[in-house]
Amino acid sequence: MPRGARPGIGGAIFGGLILEAHGGYLVRLESLGGLELLRLAREALALDGAEGATGLQVTVNRRRKVVRLAYVGPFTAGRQGAHWYAAHHALPRLLSRAANITVHAYVYDPDEGEEVIAYGNGRRVGGERVVYEDVELPGRPEDVDEAAFTHMQERWPVGHLAYVFGLARKELLRLPLAMPNIVMSLDGTEEDSAEALEELLPGAQGALPVTHAR
């Protein structure tokens, strides 16, 4: 019974643990080299009026070259912190313009809903949100089998974005827990982080986009 196995119909379980709410920014790249991520991250924080961040966490799925960026700070902690990303999009605006790529802001809250907002060339180019309590299940919750339930989740915003990236929905949702990852100090320099970023996602010099194809 899918609904009984999760805290909400959007929930995902890994190793018996229910994944908590989280958010961030997602992009697909050939390489992290030449992006000046620290400069962009600091500029974005100033534009968003956010204070207290100490670092930028960078996590990758090397198989599909999908990168998650998330601030480390009090305003991004916990469930409320996950929802911070729903309204603060300076970094995807700046990064999408600087690297000529599509950057997605996202929020995942297993008890409430999920949202994905896309930016290209510094402008919002799309977005979708699902509130779980408004979802109509194909029958009574206790009668919906796991396969049908999983298929339904894959059509929601995070599931659709995972498909675009060539990942399963669960793979994308577990990206905050994935290895390898690093946390770059916002007080650091681009030179300090360049080698670590190149090791995180080895590739050709320059931040070349990857075609969004499965």
C-alpha atoms as a PDB file:
ATOM      1  CA  MET A   1       0.000   0.000   0.000  1.00  0.00           C
ATOM      2  CA  PRO A   2       1.962   3.045  -1.220  1.00  0.00           C
ATOM      3  CA  ARG A   3       0.337   5.698   0.967  1.00  0.00           C
ATOM      4  CA  GLY A   4       0.822   3.718   4.159  1.00  0.00           C
ATOM      5  CA  ALA A   5       4.520   3.217   3.461  1.00  0.00           C
ATOM      6  CA  ARG A   6       5.362   6.930   3.335  1.00  0.00           C
ATOM      7  CA  PRO A   7       4.741  10.126   5.330  1.00  0.00           C
ATOM      8  CA  GLY A   8       3.023  11.494   2.222  1.00  0.00           C
ATOM      9  CA  ILE A   9       2.389  10.275  -1.300  1.00  0.00           C
ATOM     10  CA  GLY A  10       5.497  12.111  -2.502  1.00  0.00           C
ATOM     11  CA  GLY A  11       7.769  10.266  -0.100  1.00  0.00           C
ATOM     12  CA  ALA A  12      10.843   8.276  -1.086  1.00  0.00           C
ATOM     13  CA  ILE A  13      12.596   5.628   1.001  1.00  0.00           C
ATOM     14  CA  PHE A  14      16.286   4.741   0.848  1.00  0.00           C
ATOM     15  CA  GLY A  15      17.666   1.892   2.893  1.00  0.00           C
ATOM     16  CA  GLY A  16      14.644   2.002   5.175  1.00  0.00           C
ATOM     17  CA  LEU A  17      15.052   5.742   5.842  1.00  0.00           C
ATOM     18  CA  ILE A  18      12.529   8.289   4.605  1.00  0.00           C
ATOM     19  CA  LEU A  19      14.198  11.145   2.745  1.00  0.00           C
ATOM     20  CA  GLU A  20      13.599  14.531   4.363  1.00  0.00           C
ATOM     21  CA  ALA A  21      12.651  17.760   2.607  1.00  0.00           C
ATOM     22  CA  HIS A  22      15.385  19.437   0.595  1.00  0.00           C
ATOM     23  CA  GLY A  23      15.909  21.896  -2.234  1.00  0.00           C
ATOM     24  CA  GLY A  24      18.609  23.428  -4.365  1.00  0.00           C
ATOM     25  CA  TYR A  25      19.620  24.031  -7.955  1.00  0.00           C
ATOM     26  CA  LEU A  26      20.159  21.356 -10.607  1.00  0.00           C
ATOM     27  CA  VAL A  27      22.075  21.523 -13.862  1.00  0.00           C
ATOM     28  CA  ARG A  28      23.692  19.120 -16.309  1.00  0.00           C
ATOM     29  CA  LEU A  29      27.300  19.904 -17.314  1.00  0.00           C
ATOM     30  CA  GLU A  30      30.285  18.320 -18.979  1.00  0.00           C
ATOM     31  CA  SER A  31      32.661  20.000 -16.536  1.00  0.00           C
ATOM     32  CA  LEU A  32      32.676  22.311 -13.524  1.00  0.00           C
ATOM     33  CA  GLY A  33      35.796  24.058 -14.758  1.00  0.00           C
ATOM     34  CA  GLY A  34      35.703  27.765 -15.632  1.00  0.00           C
ATOM     35  CA  LEU A  35      32.341  28.501 -14.015  1.00  0.00           C
ATOM     36  CA  GLU A  36      33.492  30.882 -11.253  1.00  0.00           C
ATOM     37  CA  LEU A  37      30.928  29.269  -8.996  1.00  0.00           C
ATOM     38  CA  LEU A  38      32.061  31.048  -5.845  1.00  0.00           C
ATOM     39  CA  ARG A  39      31.768  34.482  -7.417  1.00  0.00           C
ATOM     40  CA  LEU A  40      28.319  33.680  -8.783  1.00  0.00           C
ATOM     41  CA  ALA A  41      27.206  32.178  -5.457  1.00  0.00           C
ATOM     42  CA  ARG A  42      28.282  35.252  -3.501  1.00  0.00           C
ATOM     43  CA  GLU A  43      26.664  37.616  -6.001  1.00  0.00           C
ATOM     44  CA  ALA A  44      23.446  35.593  -5.908  1.00  0.00           C
ATOM     45  CA  LEU A  45      23.290  35.695  -2.107  1.00  0.00           C
ATOM     46  CA  ALA A  46      23.561  39.472  -2.167  1.00  0.00           C
ATOM     47  CA  LEU A  47      20.789  39.717  -4.768  1.00  0.00           C
ATOM     48  CA  ASP A  48      18.574  37.355  -2.767  1.00  0.00           C
ATOM     49  CA  GLY A  49      19.245  39.282   0.451  1.00  0.00           C
ATOM     50  CA  ALA A  50      20.399  36.128   2.262  1.00  0.00           C
ATOM     51  CA  GLU A  51      22.888  36.276   5.117  1.00  0.00           C
ATOM     52  CA  GLY A  52      24.756  33.698   7.137  1.00  0.00           C
ATOM     53  CA  ALA A  53      25.698  31.215   4.416  1.00  0.00           C
ATOM     54  CA  THR A  54      29.113  29.655   4.946  1.00  0.00           C
ATOM     55  CA  GLY A  55      29.483  27.419   1.916  1.00  0.00           C
ATOM     56  CA  LEU A  56      28.155  26.018  -1.317  1.00  0.00           C
ATOM     57  CA  GLN A  57      27.660  22.253  -1.458  1.00  0.00           C
ATOM     58  CA  VAL A  58      28.321  20.708  -4.859  1.00  0.00           C
ATOM     59  CA  THR A  59      27.133  17.140  -5.445  1.00  0.00           C
ATOM     60  CA  VAL A  60      27.239  15.217  -8.703  1.00  0.00           C
ATOM     61  CA  ASN A  61      25.888  12.159 -10.420  1.00  0.00           C
ATOM     62  CA  ARG A  62      28.869  11.341 -12.628  1.00  0.00           C
ATOM     63  CA  ARG A  63      26.978   8.849 -14.780  1.00  0.00           C
ATOM     64  CA  ARG A  64      24.674  11.552 -16.134  1.00  0.00           C
ATOM     65  CA  LYS A  65      26.820  14.599 -15.221  1.00  0.00           C
ATOM     66  CA  VAL A  66      24.015  16.094 -13.143  1.00  0.00           C
ATOM     67  CA  VAL A  67      25.125  18.675 -10.585  1.00  0.00           C
ATOM     68  CA  ARG A  68      23.261  19.858  -7.497  1.00  0.00           C
ATOM     69  CA  LEU A  69      24.172  23.178  -5.879  1.00  0.00           C
ATOM     70  CA  ALA A  70      22.908  24.077  -2.411  1.00  0.00           C
ATOM     71  CA  TYR A  71      23.879  26.718   0.112  1.00  0.00           C
ATOM     72  CA  VAL A  72      25.097  25.745   3.556  1.00  0.00           C
ATOM     73  CA  GLY A  73      23.544  28.148   6.024  1.00  0.00           C
ATOM     74  CA  PRO A  74      20.791  28.613   8.613  1.00  0.00           C
ATOM     75  CA  PHE A  75      18.238  29.715   6.009  1.00  0.00           C
ATOM     76  CA  THR A  76      18.511  26.416   4.095  1.00  0.00           C
ATOM     77  CA  ALA A  77      18.248  24.091   7.109  1.00  0.00           C
ATOM     78  CA  GLY A  78      15.335  21.711   7.604  1.00  0.00           C
ATOM     79  CA  ARG A  79      11.945  21.749   5.953  1.00  0.00           C
ATOM     80  CA  GLN A  80      11.663  25.531   5.998  1.00  0.00           C
ATOM     81  CA  GLY A  81      15.096  25.724   4.402  1.00  0.00           C
ATOM     82  CA  ALA A  82      13.983  23.453   1.570  1.00  0.00           C
ATOM     83  CA  HIS A  83      11.166  25.880   0.770  1.00  0.00           C
ATOM     84  CA  TRP A  84      13.638  28.791   0.683  1.00  0.00           C
ATOM     85  CA  TYR A  85      14.608  27.644  -2.799  1.00  0.00           C
ATOM     86  CA  ALA A  86      11.058  28.162  -4.075  1.00  0.00           C
ATOM     87  CA  ALA A  87      11.474  31.942  -3.987  1.00  0.00           C
ATOM     88  CA  HIS A  88      15.226  32.595  -4.251  1.00  0.00           C
ATOM     89  CA  HIS A  89      16.503  32.141  -7.781  1.00  0.00           C
ATOM     90  CA  ALA A  90      19.377  34.574  -8.218  1.00  0.00           C
ATOM     91  CA  LEU A  91      21.939  31.788  -8.660  1.00  0.00           C
ATOM     92  CA  PRO A  92      20.078  29.931 -11.446  1.00  0.00           C
ATOM     93  CA  ARG A  93      19.488  33.269 -13.186  1.00  0.00           C
ATOM     94  CA  LEU A  94      23.170  34.198 -13.051  1.00  0.00           C
ATOM     95  CA  LEU A  95      24.495  30.714 -13.862  1.00  0.00           C
ATOM     96  CA  SER A  96      22.106  30.137 -16.754  1.00  0.00           C
ATOM     97  CA  ARG A  97      23.230  33.404 -18.338  1.00  0.00           C
ATOM     98  CA  ALA A  98      26.949  32.966 -17.639  1.00  0.00           C
ATOM     99  CA  ALA A  99      27.161  29.391 -18.959  1.00  0.00           C
ATOM    100  CA  ASN A 100      24.317  29.478 -21.521  1.00  0.00           C
ATOM    101  CA  ILE A 101      22.576  26.489 -19.948  1.00  0.00           C
ATOM    102  CA  THR A 102      19.262  25.671 -18.310  1.00  0.00           C
ATOM    103  CA  VAL A 103      19.351  25.670 -14.515  1.00  0.00           C
ATOM    104  CA  HIS A 104      16.503  24.303 -12.402  1.00  0.00           C
ATOM    105  CA  ALA A 105      15.556  25.473  -8.922  1.00  0.00           C
ATOM    106  CA  TYR A 106      13.639  22.795  -7.037  1.00  0.00           C
ATOM    107  CA  VAL A 107      11.861  22.073  -3.767  1.00  0.00           C
ATOM    108  CA  TYR A 108      10.966  18.606  -2.525  1.00  0.00           C
ATOM    109  CA  ASP A 109       8.811  18.223   0.586  1.00  0.00           C
ATOM    110  CA  PRO A 110       7.543  14.635   1.017  1.00  0.00           C
ATOM    111  CA  ASP A 111       4.628  15.804   3.171  1.00  0.00           C
ATOM    112  CA  GLU A 112       3.502  18.728   1.036  1.00  0.00           C
ATOM    113  CA  GLY A 113       4.604  18.763  -2.584  1.00  0.00           C
ATOM    114  CA  GLU A 114       7.335  19.364  -5.110  1.00  0.00           C
ATOM    115  CA  GLU A 115       8.224  22.168  -7.485  1.00  0.00           C
ATOM    116  CA  VAL A 116      10.716  22.744 -10.305  1.00  0.00           C
ATOM    117  CA  ILE A 117      11.425  26.169 -11.856  1.00  0.00           C
ATOM    118  CA  ALA A 118      13.634  26.433 -14.959  1.00  0.00           C
ATOM    119  CA  TYR A 119      15.884  29.337 -15.945  1.00  0.00           C
ATOM    120  CA  GLY A 120      17.583  29.941 -19.273  1.00  0.00           C
ATOM    121  CA  ASN A 121      19.708  32.936 -20.270  1.00  0.00           C
ATOM    122  CA  GLY A 122      18.868  34.623 -16.973  1.00  0.00           C
ATOM    123  CA  ARG A 123      15.094  34.332 -17.370  1.00  0.00           C
ATOM    124  CA  ARG A 124      12.427  32.000 -16.098  1.00  0.00           C
ATOM    125  CA  VAL A 125      11.524  29.637 -18.911  1.00  0.00           C
ATOM    126  CA  GLY A 126       9.212  27.160 -17.194  1.00  0.00           C
ATOM    127  CA  GLY A 127       7.969  25.712 -13.973  1.00  0.00           C
ATOM    128  CA  GLU A 128       5.611  23.179 -12.468  1.00  0.00           C
ATOM    129  CA  ARG A 129       4.304  22.448  -8.975  1.00  0.00           C
ATOM    130  CA  VAL A 130       2.353  19.576  -7.463  1.00  0.00           C
ATOM    131  CA  VAL A 131       0.605  19.669  -4.086  1.00  0.00           C
ATOM    132  CA  TYR A 132       0.251  16.097  -2.916  1.00  0.00           C
ATOM    133  CA  GLU A 133      -3.080  16.526  -1.140  1.00  0.00           C
ATOM    134  CA  ASP A 134      -4.584  17.679  -4.442  1.00  0.00           C
ATOM    135  CA  VAL A 135      -3.405  14.615  -6.359  1.00  0.00           C
ATOM    136  CA  GLU A 136      -6.176  12.283  -7.456  1.00  0.00           C
ATOM    137  CA  LEU A 137      -5.127   8.686  -7.012  1.00  0.00           C
ATOM    138  CA  PRO A 138      -6.443   6.091  -9.499  1.00  0.00           C
ATOM    139  CA  GLY A 139      -8.669   4.463  -6.910  1.00  0.00           C
ATOM    140  CA  ARG A 140      -8.524   4.107  -3.131  1.00  0.00           C
ATOM    141  CA  PRO A 141      -5.009   4.503  -1.647  1.00  0.00           C
ATOM    142  CA  GLU A 142      -5.055   0.937  -0.356  1.00  0.00           C
ATOM    143  CA  ASP A 143      -5.868  -0.345  -3.863  1.00  0.00           C
ATOM    144  CA  VAL A 144      -3.104   1.446  -5.776  1.00  0.00           C
ATOM    145  CA  ASP A 145      -0.282  -0.963  -6.532  1.00  0.00           C
ATOM    146  CA  GLU A 146       3.376   0.045  -6.336  1.00  0.00           C
ATOM    147  CA  ALA A 147       3.985   0.045 -10.097  1.00  0.00           C
ATOM    148  CA  ALA A 148       1.038   2.343 -10.823  1.00  0.00           C
ATOM    149  CA  PHE A 149       2.031   4.614  -7.944  1.00  0.00           C
ATOM    150  CA  THR A 150       5.641   4.873  -9.158  1.00  0.00           C
ATOM    151  CA  HIS A 151       4.462   5.646 -12.699  1.00  0.00           C
ATOM    152  CA  MET A 152       2.293   8.463 -11.328  1.00  0.00           C
ATOM    153  CA  GLN A 153       5.212   9.956  -9.359  1.00  0.00           C
ATOM    154  CA  GLU A 154       7.393   9.956 -12.471  1.00  0.00           C
ATOM    155  CA  ARG A 155       4.981  12.396 -14.131  1.00  0.00           C
ATOM    156  CA  TRP A 156       5.341  14.938 -11.309  1.00  0.00           C
ATOM    157  CA  PRO A 157       7.884  17.811 -11.567  1.00  0.00           C
ATOM    158  CA  VAL A 158      10.854  16.023  -9.978  1.00  0.00           C
ATOM    159  CA  GLY A 159      10.064  12.827 -11.858  1.00  0.00           C
ATOM    160  CA  HIS A 160       9.856  14.646 -15.185  1.00  0.00           C
ATOM    161  CA  LEU A 161      13.129  16.484 -14.556  1.00  0.00           C
ATOM    162  CA  ALA A 162      14.788  13.189 -13.651  1.00  0.00           C
ATOM    163  CA  TYR A 163      13.601  11.774 -16.991  1.00  0.00           C
ATOM    164  CA  VAL A 164      15.080  14.757 -18.838  1.00  0.00           C
ATOM    165  CA  PHE A 165      18.382  14.133 -17.053  1.00  0.00           C
ATOM    166  CA  GLY A 166      18.260  10.400 -17.820  1.00  0.00           C
ATOM    167  CA  LEU A 167      17.834   9.423 -14.161  1.00  0.00           C
ATOM    168  CA  ALA A 168      15.195   7.638 -12.110  1.00  0.00           C
ATOM    169  CA  ARG A 169      13.184   9.891  -9.790  1.00  0.00           C
ATOM    170  CA  LYS A 170      14.724   8.243  -6.749  1.00  0.00           C
ATOM    171  CA  GLU A 171      18.228   8.843  -8.109  1.00  0.00           C
ATOM    172  CA  LEU A 172      17.565  12.549  -8.436  1.00  0.00           C
ATOM    173  CA  LEU A 173      15.957  12.775  -5.006  1.00  0.00           C
ATOM    174  CA  ARG A 174      18.914  11.108  -3.308  1.00  0.00           C
ATOM    175  CA  LEU A 175      21.445  13.447  -4.918  1.00  0.00           C
ATOM    176  CA  PRO A 176      21.978  15.394  -1.652  1.00  0.00           C
ATOM    177  CA  LEU A 177      23.247  12.127  -0.116  1.00  0.00           C
ATOM    178  CA  ALA A 178      25.357  11.076  -3.090  1.00  0.00           C
ATOM    179  CA  MET A 179      29.103  10.851  -3.307  1.00  0.00           C
ATOM    180  CA  PRO A 180      31.268  12.493  -4.426  1.00  0.00           C
ATOM    181  CA  ASN A 181      30.481  15.946  -3.072  1.00  0.00           C
ATOM    182  CA  ILE A 182      32.326  18.929  -1.677  1.00  0.00           C
ATOM    183  CA  VAL A 183      31.456  22.038   0.305  1.00  0.00           C
ATOM    184  CA  MET A 184      33.251  25.137  -0.950  1.00  0.00           C
ATOM    185  CA  SER A 185      33.810  27.901   1.578  1.00  0.00           C
ATOM    186  CA  LEU A 186      32.227  31.129   0.385  1.00  0.00           C
ATOM    187  CA  ASP A 187      35.280  32.909   1.759  1.00  0.00           C
ATOM    188  CA  GLY A 188      37.564  30.930  -0.539  1.00  0.00           C
ATOM    189  CA  THR A 189      38.958  31.773  -3.955  1.00  0.00           C
ATOM    190  CA  GLU A 190      38.260  30.295  -7.369  1.00  0.00           C
ATOM    191  CA  GLU A 191      41.844  29.033  -7.437  1.00  0.00           C
ATOM    192  CA  ASP A 192      41.323  27.169  -4.147  1.00  0.00           C
ATOM    193  CA  SER A 193      38.254  25.363  -5.469  1.00  0.00           C
ATOM    194  CA  ALA A 194      39.269  24.763  -9.091  1.00  0.00           C
ATOM    195  CA  GLU A 195      41.164  21.508  -8.513  1.00  0.00           C
ATOM    196  CA  ALA A 196      38.509  20.073  -6.201  1.00  0.00           C
ATOM    197  CA  LEU A 197      35.770  20.876  -8.708  1.00  0.00           C
ATOM    198  CA  GLU A 198      37.686  19.286 -11.559  1.00  0.00           C
ATOM    199  CA  GLU A 199      38.138  16.117  -9.502  1.00  0.00           C
ATOM    200  CA  LEU A 200      34.449  16.136  -8.615  1.00  0.00           C
ATOM    201  CA  LEU A 201      33.359  16.096 -12.255  1.00  0.00           C
ATOM    202  CA  PRO A 202      36.324  15.371 -14.527  1.00  0.00           C
ATOM    203  CA  GLY A 203      35.837  16.655 -18.034  1.00  0.00           C
ATOM    204  CA  ALA A 204      36.990  19.033 -20.717  1.00  0.00           C
ATOM    205  CA  GLN A 205      37.948  22.540 -19.660  1.00  0.00           C
ATOM    206  CA  GLY A 206      35.028  24.912 -19.749  1.00  0.00           C
ATOM    207  CA  ALA A 207      31.426  24.529 -18.675  1.00  0.00           C
ATOM    208  CA  LEU A 208      29.894  22.971 -21.746  1.00  0.00           C
ATOM    209  CA  PRO A 209      26.239  21.953 -21.503  1.00  0.00           C
ATOM    210  CA  VAL A 210      25.120  18.383 -22.075  1.00  0.00           C
ATOM    211  CA  THR A 211      22.216  17.749 -24.405  1.00  0.00           C
ATOM    212  CA  HIS A 212      19.132  16.862 -22.372  1.00  0.00           C
ATOM    213  CA  ALA A 213      18.488  13.447 -23.830  1.00  0.00           C
ATOM    214  CA  ARG A 214      17.908  10.133 -22.142  1.00  0.00           C
END
